[in-house]
Amino acid sequence: MATSKLVSTTTTAPVRAGDANGVAPEFGRLRDVERIFGIKRGTAYTLLRDGKIKGCLLRVRGQKSGVRLIDLASVGAFIRAQMESEEQGREA
């Protein structure tokens, strides 16, 4: 019985997981908002309700639970806007 050797015919290296260190995530969960910005869950829901930050709920149709994702850039923009309004208030 003859044995055959498996010969690789690819010309590129195999795909490997990339290094994501130092890359800021675009979206995060509520616990990420608290960890990164110090904004508690209840405050984050209030900001979402008032349209001051952006987020969405991802869930499978018909399911009760899902995952709430927050646009982290919108949280940063909200905080910067608050800082600017405080500075303008001091100047007036």
PDB file of N, CA and C in Angstrom:
ATOM      1  N   MET A   1       0.840  -1.159   0.000  1.00  0.00           N
ATOM      2  CA  MET A   1       0.000   0.000   0.000  1.00  0.00           C
ATOM      3  C   MET A   1       0.896   1.235   0.000  1.00  0.00           C
ATOM      4  N   ALA A   2       0.666   2.112  -0.917  1.00  0.00           N
ATOM      5  CA  ALA A   2       1.492   3.313  -1.036  1.00  0.00           C
ATOM      6  C   ALA A   2       0.922   4.426  -0.162  1.00  0.00           C
ATOM      7  N   THR A   3       1.805   5.154   0.482  1.00  0.00           N
ATOM      8  CA  THR A   3       1.371   6.313   1.282  1.00  0.00           C
ATOM      9  C   THR A   3       1.648   7.565   0.478  1.00  0.00           C
ATOM     10  N   SER A   4       0.714   8.458   0.507  1.00  0.00           N
ATOM     11  CA  SER A   4       0.912   9.710  -0.229  1.00  0.00           C
ATOM     12  C   SER A   4       1.250  10.823   0.751  1.00  0.00           C
ATOM     13  N   LYS A   5       2.112  11.689   0.316  1.00  0.00           N
ATOM     14  CA  LYS A   5       2.496  12.844   1.119  1.00  0.00           C
ATOM     15  C   LYS A   5       1.575  14.006   0.784  1.00  0.00           C
ATOM     16  N   LEU A   6       1.155  14.707   1.810  1.00  0.00           N
ATOM     17  CA  LEU A   6       0.326  15.891   1.602  1.00  0.00           C
ATOM     18  C   LEU A   6       1.260  17.057   1.290  1.00  0.00           C
ATOM     19  N   VAL A   7       1.119  17.606   0.131  1.00  0.00           N
ATOM     20  CA  VAL A   7       1.978  18.696  -0.297  1.00  0.00           C
ATOM     21  C   VAL A   7       1.175  19.992  -0.244  1.00  0.00           C
ATOM     22  N   SER A   8       1.735  20.993   0.398  1.00  0.00           N
ATOM     23  CA  SER A   8       1.076  22.289   0.491  1.00  0.00           C
ATOM     24  C   SER A   8       1.259  23.041  -0.817  1.00  0.00           C
ATOM     25  N   THR A   9       0.151  23.539  -1.345  1.00  0.00           N
ATOM     26  CA  THR A   9       0.222  24.287  -2.591  1.00  0.00           C
ATOM     27  C   THR A   9      -0.091  25.766  -2.387  1.00  0.00           C
ATOM     28  N   THR A  10      -0.218  26.186  -1.137  1.00  0.00           N
ATOM     29  CA  THR A  10      -0.520  27.597  -0.889  1.00  0.00           C
ATOM     30  C   THR A  10       0.752  28.426  -0.972  1.00  0.00           C
ATOM     31  N   THR A  11       0.579  29.662  -1.377  1.00  0.00           N
ATOM     32  CA  THR A  11       1.728  30.557  -1.499  1.00  0.00           C
ATOM     33  C   THR A  11       1.753  31.623  -0.412  1.00  0.00           C
ATOM     34  N   THR A  12       0.732  31.639   0.432  1.00  0.00           N
ATOM     35  CA  THR A  12       0.687  32.626   1.513  1.00  0.00           C
ATOM     36  C   THR A  12       0.704  31.918   2.852  1.00  0.00           C
ATOM     37  N   ALA A  13       1.058  32.663   3.877  1.00  0.00           N
ATOM     38  CA  ALA A  13       1.063  32.099   5.228  1.00  0.00           C
ATOM     39  C   ALA A  13      -0.373  31.883   5.692  1.00  0.00           C
ATOM     40  N   PRO A  14      -0.587  30.910   6.559  1.00  0.00           N
ATOM     41  CA  PRO A  14      -1.936  30.675   7.081  1.00  0.00           C
ATOM     42  C   PRO A  14      -2.443  31.908   7.839  1.00  0.00           C
ATOM     43  N   VAL A  15      -3.741  32.079   7.860  1.00  0.00           N
ATOM     44  CA  VAL A  15      -4.349  33.202   8.556  1.00  0.00           C
ATOM     45  C   VAL A  15      -4.224  32.981  10.051  1.00  0.00           C
ATOM     46  N   ARG A  16      -3.811  34.016  10.764  1.00  0.00           N
ATOM     47  CA  ARG A  16      -3.679  33.952  12.219  1.00  0.00           C
ATOM     48  C   ARG A  16      -4.411  35.134  12.823  1.00  0.00           C
ATOM     49  N   ALA A  17      -4.773  34.979  14.063  1.00  0.00           N
ATOM     50  CA  ALA A  17      -5.457  36.058  14.767  1.00  0.00           C
ATOM     51  C   ALA A  17      -4.532  37.259  14.872  1.00  0.00           C
ATOM     52  N   GLY A  18      -5.082  38.439  14.662  1.00  0.00           N
ATOM     53  CA  GLY A  18      -4.298  39.665  14.745  1.00  0.00           C
ATOM     54  C   GLY A  18      -4.152  40.152  16.170  1.00  0.00           C
ATOM     55  N   ASP A  19      -3.240  41.034  16.382  1.00  0.00           N
ATOM     56  CA  ASP A  19      -3.025  41.640  17.680  1.00  0.00           C
ATOM     57  C   ASP A  19      -3.888  42.886  17.760  1.00  0.00           C
ATOM     58  N   ALA A  20      -4.885  42.872  18.637  1.00  0.00           N
ATOM     59  CA  ALA A  20      -5.807  43.997  18.767  1.00  0.00           C
ATOM     60  C   ALA A  20      -5.428  44.916  19.925  1.00  0.00           C
ATOM     61  N   ASN A  21      -4.256  44.713  20.518  1.00  0.00           N
ATOM     62  CA  ASN A  21      -3.830  45.599  21.600  1.00  0.00           C
ATOM     63  C   ASN A  21      -3.646  47.000  21.068  1.00  0.00           C
ATOM     64  N   GLY A  22      -4.122  47.967  21.806  1.00  0.00           N
ATOM     65  CA  GLY A  22      -3.982  49.353  21.400  1.00  0.00           C
ATOM     66  C   GLY A  22      -5.060  49.831  20.441  1.00  0.00           C
ATOM     67  N   VAL A  23      -5.972  48.950  20.059  1.00  0.00           N
ATOM     68  CA  VAL A  23      -7.067  49.327  19.175  1.00  0.00           C
ATOM     69  C   VAL A  23      -8.291  49.596  20.042  1.00  0.00           C
ATOM     70  N   ALA A  24      -8.823  50.798  19.947  1.00  0.00           N
ATOM     71  CA  ALA A  24      -9.996  51.158  20.747  1.00  0.00           C
ATOM     72  C   ALA A  24     -11.251  50.529  20.125  1.00  0.00           C
ATOM     73  N   PRO A  25     -12.082  49.883  20.940  1.00  0.00           N
ATOM     74  CA  PRO A  25     -13.306  49.292  20.401  1.00  0.00           C
ATOM     75  C   PRO A  25     -14.311  50.378  20.020  1.00  0.00           C
ATOM     76  N   GLU A  26     -15.134  50.088  19.040  1.00  0.00           N
ATOM     77  CA  GLU A  26     -16.149  51.041  18.587  1.00  0.00           C
ATOM     78  C   GLU A  26     -17.397  50.962  19.462  1.00  0.00           C
ATOM     79  N   PHE A  27     -17.738  49.755  19.887  1.00  0.00           N
ATOM     80  CA  PHE A  27     -18.918  49.534  20.709  1.00  0.00           C
ATOM     81  C   PHE A  27     -18.515  48.795  21.982  1.00  0.00           C
ATOM     82  N   GLY A  28     -19.329  48.953  23.018  1.00  0.00           N
ATOM     83  CA  GLY A  28     -19.062  48.255  24.271  1.00  0.00           C
ATOM     84  C   GLY A  28     -20.354  48.004  25.016  1.00  0.00           C
ATOM     85  N   ARG A  29     -20.270  47.136  26.000  1.00  0.00           N
ATOM     86  CA  ARG A  29     -21.419  46.865  26.855  1.00  0.00           C
ATOM     87  C   ARG A  29     -21.484  47.923  27.951  1.00  0.00           C
ATOM     88  N   LEU A  30     -22.546  47.887  28.717  1.00  0.00           N
ATOM     89  CA  LEU A  30     -22.715  48.865  29.789  1.00  0.00           C
ATOM     90  C   LEU A  30     -21.571  48.806  30.793  1.00  0.00           C
ATOM     91  N   ARG A  31     -21.072  47.618  31.077  1.00  0.00           N
ATOM     92  CA  ARG A  31     -19.956  47.519  32.030  1.00  0.00           C
ATOM     93  C   ARG A  31     -18.685  48.152  31.458  1.00  0.00           C
ATOM     94  N   ASP A  32     -18.540  48.151  30.132  1.00  0.00           N
ATOM     95  CA  ASP A  32     -17.405  48.830  29.502  1.00  0.00           C
ATOM     96  C   ASP A  32     -17.538  50.345  29.633  1.00  0.00           C
ATOM     97  N   VAL A  33     -18.766  50.849  29.498  1.00  0.00           N
ATOM     98  CA  VAL A  33     -19.002  52.285  29.673  1.00  0.00           C
ATOM     99  C   VAL A  33     -18.629  52.689  31.098  1.00  0.00           C
ATOM    100  N   GLU A  34     -18.987  51.869  32.064  1.00  0.00           N
ATOM    101  CA  GLU A  34     -18.642  52.171  33.458  1.00  0.00           C
ATOM    102  C   GLU A  34     -17.128  52.092  33.671  1.00  0.00           C
ATOM    103  N   ARG A  35     -16.500  51.074  33.113  1.00  0.00           N
ATOM    104  CA  ARG A  35     -15.057  50.888  33.292  1.00  0.00           C
ATOM    105  C   ARG A  35     -14.258  52.005  32.617  1.00  0.00           C
ATOM    106  N   ILE A  36     -14.645  52.386  31.407  1.00  0.00           N
ATOM    107  CA  ILE A  36     -13.886  53.365  30.630  1.00  0.00           C
ATOM    108  C   ILE A  36     -14.191  54.798  31.067  1.00  0.00           C
ATOM    109  N   PHE A  37     -15.491  55.106  31.266  1.00  0.00           N
ATOM    110  CA  PHE A  37     -15.900  56.488  31.503  1.00  0.00           C
ATOM    111  C   PHE A  37     -16.371  56.761  32.931  1.00  0.00           C
ATOM    112  N   GLY A  38     -16.630  55.725  33.711  1.00  0.00           N
ATOM    113  CA  GLY A  38     -17.113  55.928  35.078  1.00  0.00           C
ATOM    114  C   GLY A  38     -18.592  56.240  35.155  1.00  0.00           C
ATOM    115  N   ILE A  39     -19.337  55.966  34.079  1.00  0.00           N
ATOM    116  CA  ILE A  39     -20.778  56.233  34.050  1.00  0.00           C
ATOM    117  C   ILE A  39     -21.508  54.950  34.438  1.00  0.00           C
ATOM    118  N   LYS A  40     -22.303  55.030  35.496  1.00  0.00           N
ATOM    119  CA  LYS A  40     -23.030  53.855  35.994  1.00  0.00           C
ATOM    120  C   LYS A  40     -24.157  53.461  35.040  1.00  0.00           C
ATOM    121  N   ARG A  41     -24.636  52.245  35.223  1.00  0.00           N
ATOM    122  CA  ARG A  41     -25.649  51.651  34.355  1.00  0.00           C
ATOM    123  C   ARG A  41     -26.915  52.499  34.272  1.00  0.00           C
ATOM    124  N   GLY A  42     -27.438  52.935  35.410  1.00  0.00           N
ATOM    125  CA  GLY A  42     -28.671  53.731  35.421  1.00  0.00           C
ATOM    126  C   GLY A  42     -28.511  55.044  34.687  1.00  0.00           C
ATOM    127  N   THR A  43     -27.384  55.695  34.880  1.00  0.00           N
ATOM    128  CA  THR A  43     -27.118  56.956  34.187  1.00  0.00           C
ATOM    129  C   THR A  43     -26.996  56.720  32.689  1.00  0.00           C
ATOM    130  N   ALA A  44     -26.356  55.622  32.304  1.00  0.00           N
ATOM    131  CA  ALA A  44     -26.209  55.301  30.879  1.00  0.00           C
ATOM    132  C   ALA A  44     -27.578  55.079  30.240  1.00  0.00           C
ATOM    133  N   TYR A  45     -28.490  54.372  30.935  1.00  0.00           N
ATOM    134  CA  TYR A  45     -29.835  54.167  30.401  1.00  0.00           C
ATOM    135  C   TYR A  45     -30.583  55.493  30.276  1.00  0.00           C
ATOM    136  N   THR A  46     -30.390  56.398  31.240  1.00  0.00           N
ATOM    137  CA  THR A  46     -31.023  57.714  31.161  1.00  0.00           C
ATOM    138  C   THR A  46     -30.500  58.495  29.963  1.00  0.00           C
ATOM    139  N   LEU A  47     -29.193  58.462  29.757  1.00  0.00           N
ATOM    140  CA  LEU A  47     -28.594  59.154  28.612  1.00  0.00           C
ATOM    141  C   LEU A  47     -29.080  58.555  27.294  1.00  0.00           C
ATOM    142  N   LEU A  48     -29.223  57.234  27.246  1.00  0.00           N
ATOM    143  CA  LEU A  48     -29.766  56.573  26.051  1.00  0.00           C
ATOM    144  C   LEU A  48     -31.202  57.025  25.794  1.00  0.00           C
ATOM    145  N   ARG A  49     -32.010  57.004  26.840  1.00  0.00           N
ATOM    146  CA  ARG A  49     -33.419  57.390  26.716  1.00  0.00           C
ATOM    147  C   ARG A  49     -33.557  58.824  26.217  1.00  0.00           C
ATOM    148  N   ASP A  50     -32.692  59.718  26.709  1.00  0.00           N
ATOM    149  CA  ASP A  50     -32.749  61.126  26.329  1.00  0.00           C
ATOM    150  C   ASP A  50     -32.065  61.409  24.996  1.00  0.00           C
ATOM    151  N   GLY A  51     -31.475  60.394  24.374  1.00  0.00           N
ATOM    152  CA  GLY A  51     -30.829  60.556  23.074  1.00  0.00           C
ATOM    153  C   GLY A  51     -29.482  61.255  23.142  1.00  0.00           C
ATOM    154  N   LYS A  52     -28.882  61.298  24.308  1.00  0.00           N
ATOM    155  CA  LYS A  52     -27.598  61.982  24.464  1.00  0.00           C
ATOM    156  C   LYS A  52     -26.421  61.084  24.107  1.00  0.00           C
ATOM    157  N   ILE A  53     -26.606  59.773  24.200  1.00  0.00           N
ATOM    158  CA  ILE A  53     -25.618  58.802  23.716  1.00  0.00           C
ATOM    159  C   ILE A  53     -26.360  57.800  22.844  1.00  0.00           C
ATOM    160  N   LYS A  54     -25.619  57.061  22.026  1.00  0.00           N
ATOM    161  CA  LYS A  54     -26.224  56.114  21.089  1.00  0.00           C
ATOM    162  C   LYS A  54     -25.952  54.679  21.521  1.00  0.00           C
ATOM    163  N   GLY A  55     -26.913  53.830  21.247  1.00  0.00           N
ATOM    164  CA  GLY A  55     -26.762  52.414  21.538  1.00  0.00           C
ATOM    165  C   GLY A  55     -27.873  51.624  20.874  1.00  0.00           C
ATOM    166  N   CYS A  56     -27.770  50.307  20.974  1.00  0.00           N
ATOM    167  CA  CYS A  56     -28.825  49.457  20.423  1.00  0.00           C
ATOM    168  C   CYS A  56     -28.868  48.144  21.183  1.00  0.00           C
ATOM    169  N   LEU A  57     -29.987  47.472  21.091  1.00  0.00           N
ATOM    170  CA  LEU A  57     -30.167  46.166  21.709  1.00  0.00           C
ATOM    171  C   LEU A  57     -30.142  45.125  20.605  1.00  0.00           C
ATOM    172  N   LEU A  58     -29.211  44.197  20.696  1.00  0.00           N
ATOM    173  CA  LEU A  58     -29.131  43.103  19.729  1.00  0.00           C
ATOM    174  C   LEU A  58     -29.741  41.866  20.357  1.00  0.00           C
ATOM    175  N   ARG A  59     -30.748  41.312  19.712  1.00  0.00           N
ATOM    176  CA  ARG A  59     -31.344  40.075  20.204  1.00  0.00           C
ATOM    177  C   ARG A  59     -31.987  39.319  19.057  1.00  0.00           C
ATOM    178  N   VAL A  60     -32.124  38.045  19.267  1.00  0.00           N
ATOM    179  CA  VAL A  60     -32.764  37.182  18.286  1.00  0.00           C
ATOM    180  C   VAL A  60     -34.267  37.402  18.380  1.00  0.00           C
ATOM    181  N   ARG A  61     -34.929  37.499  17.241  1.00  0.00           N
ATOM    182  CA  ARG A  61     -36.373  37.734  17.220  1.00  0.00           C
ATOM    183  C   ARG A  61     -37.087  36.691  18.080  1.00  0.00           C
ATOM    184  N   GLY A  62     -37.972  37.178  18.935  1.00  0.00           N
ATOM    185  CA  GLY A  62     -38.743  36.295  19.797  1.00  0.00           C
ATOM    186  C   GLY A  62     -38.093  36.027  21.150  1.00  0.00           C
ATOM    187  N   GLN A  63     -36.855  36.412  21.312  1.00  0.00           N
ATOM    188  CA  GLN A  63     -36.151  36.205  22.586  1.00  0.00           C
ATOM    189  C   GLN A  63     -36.369  37.403  23.502  1.00  0.00           C
ATOM    190  N   LYS A  64     -36.402  37.128  24.811  1.00  0.00           N
ATOM    191  CA  LYS A  64     -36.560  38.199  25.793  1.00  0.00           C
ATOM    192  C   LYS A  64     -35.261  38.963  26.000  1.00  0.00           C
ATOM    193  N   SER A  65     -34.164  38.251  26.019  1.00  0.00           N
ATOM    194  CA  SER A  65     -32.893  38.896  26.352  1.00  0.00           C
ATOM    195  C   SER A  65     -32.017  39.056  25.121  1.00  0.00           C
ATOM    196  N   GLY A  66     -31.079  39.953  25.240  1.00  0.00           N
ATOM    197  CA  GLY A  66     -30.120  40.217  24.185  1.00  0.00           C
ATOM    198  C   GLY A  66     -28.924  40.908  24.793  1.00  0.00           C
ATOM    199  N   VAL A  67     -28.212  41.652  24.006  1.00  0.00           N
ATOM    200  CA  VAL A  67     -27.054  42.388  24.497  1.00  0.00           C
ATOM    201  C   VAL A  67     -27.207  43.853  24.084  1.00  0.00           C
ATOM    202  N   ARG A  68     -27.060  44.734  25.046  1.00  0.00           N
ATOM    203  CA  ARG A  68     -27.124  46.174  24.788  1.00  0.00           C
ATOM    204  C   ARG A  68     -25.715  46.657  24.473  1.00  0.00           C
ATOM    205  N   LEU A  69     -25.546  47.251  23.303  1.00  0.00           N
ATOM    206  CA  LEU A  69     -24.252  47.797  22.900  1.00  0.00           C
ATOM    207  C   LEU A  69     -24.341  49.310  22.839  1.00  0.00           C
ATOM    208  N   ILE A  70     -23.290  49.957  23.313  1.00  0.00           N
ATOM    209  CA  ILE A  70     -23.224  51.410  23.355  1.00  0.00           C
ATOM    210  C   ILE A  70     -22.132  51.880  22.404  1.00  0.00           C
ATOM    211  N   ASP A  71     -22.425  52.927  21.647  1.00  0.00           N
ATOM    212  CA  ASP A  71     -21.433  53.553  20.775  1.00  0.00           C
ATOM    213  C   ASP A  71     -20.506  54.364  21.679  1.00  0.00           C
ATOM    214  N   LEU A  72     -19.299  53.868  21.891  1.00  0.00           N
ATOM    215  CA  LEU A  72     -18.375  54.495  22.830  1.00  0.00           C
ATOM    216  C   LEU A  72     -17.958  55.894  22.382  1.00  0.00           C
ATOM    217  N   ALA A  73     -17.909  56.134  21.083  1.00  0.00           N
ATOM    218  CA  ALA A  73     -17.568  57.466  20.582  1.00  0.00           C
ATOM    219  C   ALA A  73     -18.645  58.476  20.974  1.00  0.00           C
ATOM    220  N   SER A  74     -19.907  58.051  21.011  1.00  0.00           N
ATOM    221  CA  SER A  74     -20.987  58.969  21.391  1.00  0.00           C
ATOM    222  C   SER A  74     -20.885  59.337  22.871  1.00  0.00           C
ATOM    223  N   VAL A  75     -20.409  58.419  23.699  1.00  0.00           N
ATOM    224  CA  VAL A  75     -20.220  58.721  25.118  1.00  0.00           C
ATOM    225  C   VAL A  75     -19.102  59.749  25.277  1.00  0.00           C
ATOM    226  N   GLY A  76     -18.012  59.542  24.567  1.00  0.00           N
ATOM    227  CA  GLY A  76     -16.908  60.499  24.609  1.00  0.00           C
ATOM    228  C   GLY A  76     -17.335  61.869  24.110  1.00  0.00           C
ATOM    229  N   ALA A  77     -18.133  61.912  23.042  1.00  0.00           N
ATOM    230  CA  ALA A  77     -18.613  63.176  22.491  1.00  0.00           C
ATOM    231  C   ALA A  77     -19.529  63.879  23.493  1.00  0.00           C
ATOM    232  N   PHE A  78     -20.372  63.112  24.182  1.00  0.00           N
ATOM    233  CA  PHE A  78     -21.256  63.695  25.192  1.00  0.00           C
ATOM    234  C   PHE A  78     -20.445  64.326  26.322  1.00  0.00           C
ATOM    235  N   ILE A  79     -19.438  63.626  26.780  1.00  0.00           N
ATOM    236  CA  ILE A  79     -18.603  64.151  27.871  1.00  0.00           C
ATOM    237  C   ILE A  79     -17.872  65.415  27.413  1.00  0.00           C
ATOM    238  N   ARG A  80     -17.325  65.403  26.188  1.00  0.00           N
ATOM    239  CA  ARG A  80     -16.642  66.593  25.675  1.00  0.00           C
ATOM    240  C   ARG A  80     -17.600  67.778  25.559  1.00  0.00           C
ATOM    241  N   ALA A  81     -18.832  67.533  25.124  1.00  0.00           N
ATOM    242  CA  ALA A  81     -19.830  68.601  25.016  1.00  0.00           C
ATOM    243  C   ALA A  81     -20.141  69.172  26.399  1.00  0.00           C
ATOM    244  N   GLN A  82     -20.210  68.304  27.404  1.00  0.00           N
ATOM    245  CA  GLN A  82     -20.452  68.777  28.766  1.00  0.00           C
ATOM    246  C   GLN A  82     -19.302  69.649  29.253  1.00  0.00           C
ATOM    247  N   MET A  83     -18.087  69.248  28.934  1.00  0.00           N
ATOM    248  CA  MET A  83     -16.913  70.024  29.329  1.00  0.00           C
ATOM    249  C   MET A  83     -16.920  71.399  28.662  1.00  0.00           C
ATOM    250  N   GLU A  84     -17.272  71.431  27.379  1.00  0.00           N
ATOM    251  CA  GLU A  84     -17.303  72.704  26.647  1.00  0.00           C
ATOM    252  C   GLU A  84     -18.382  73.630  27.197  1.00  0.00           C
ATOM    253  N   SER A  85     -19.550  73.078  27.544  1.00  0.00           N
ATOM    254  CA  SER A  85     -20.623  73.927  28.075  1.00  0.00           C
ATOM    255  C   SER A  85     -20.242  74.475  29.450  1.00  0.00           C
ATOM    256  N   GLU A  86     -19.501  73.704  30.238  1.00  0.00           N
ATOM    257  CA  GLU A  86     -19.019  74.207  31.530  1.00  0.00           C
ATOM    258  C   GLU A  86     -18.027  75.337  31.324  1.00  0.00           C
ATOM    259  N   GLU A  87     -17.137  75.177  30.352  1.00  0.00           N
ATOM    260  CA  GLU A  87     -16.138  76.227  30.065  1.00  0.00           C
ATOM    261  C   GLU A  87     -16.817  77.502  29.587  1.00  0.00           C
ATOM    262  N   GLN A  88     -17.847  77.383  28.742  1.00  0.00           N
ATOM    263  CA  GLN A  88     -18.557  78.556  28.257  1.00  0.00           C
ATOM    264  C   GLN A  88     -19.313  79.228  29.393  1.00  0.00           C
ATOM    265  N   GLY A  89     -19.815  78.448  30.315  1.00  0.00           N
ATOM    266  CA  GLY A  89     -20.525  78.995  31.471  1.00  0.00           C
ATOM    267  C   GLY A  89     -19.596  79.791  32.366  1.00  0.00           C
ATOM    268  N   ARG A  90     -18.350  79.371  32.496  1.00  0.00           N
ATOM    269  CA  ARG A  90     -17.376  80.083  33.324  1.00  0.00           C
ATOM    270  C   ARG A  90     -16.938  81.388  32.662  1.00  0.00           C
ATOM    271  N   GLU A  91     -16.886  81.381  31.314  1.00  0.00           N
ATOM    272  CA  GLU A  91     -16.440  82.562  30.578  1.00  0.00           C
ATOM    273  C   GLU A  91     -17.496  83.661  30.567  1.00  0.00           C
ATOM    274  N   ALA A  92     -18.745  83.288  30.682  1.00  0.00           N
ATOM    275  CA  ALA A  92     -19.840  84.275  30.592  1.00  0.00           C
ATOM    276  C   ALA A  92     -19.982  85.103  31.846  1.00  0.00           C
TER     277      ALA A  92
END
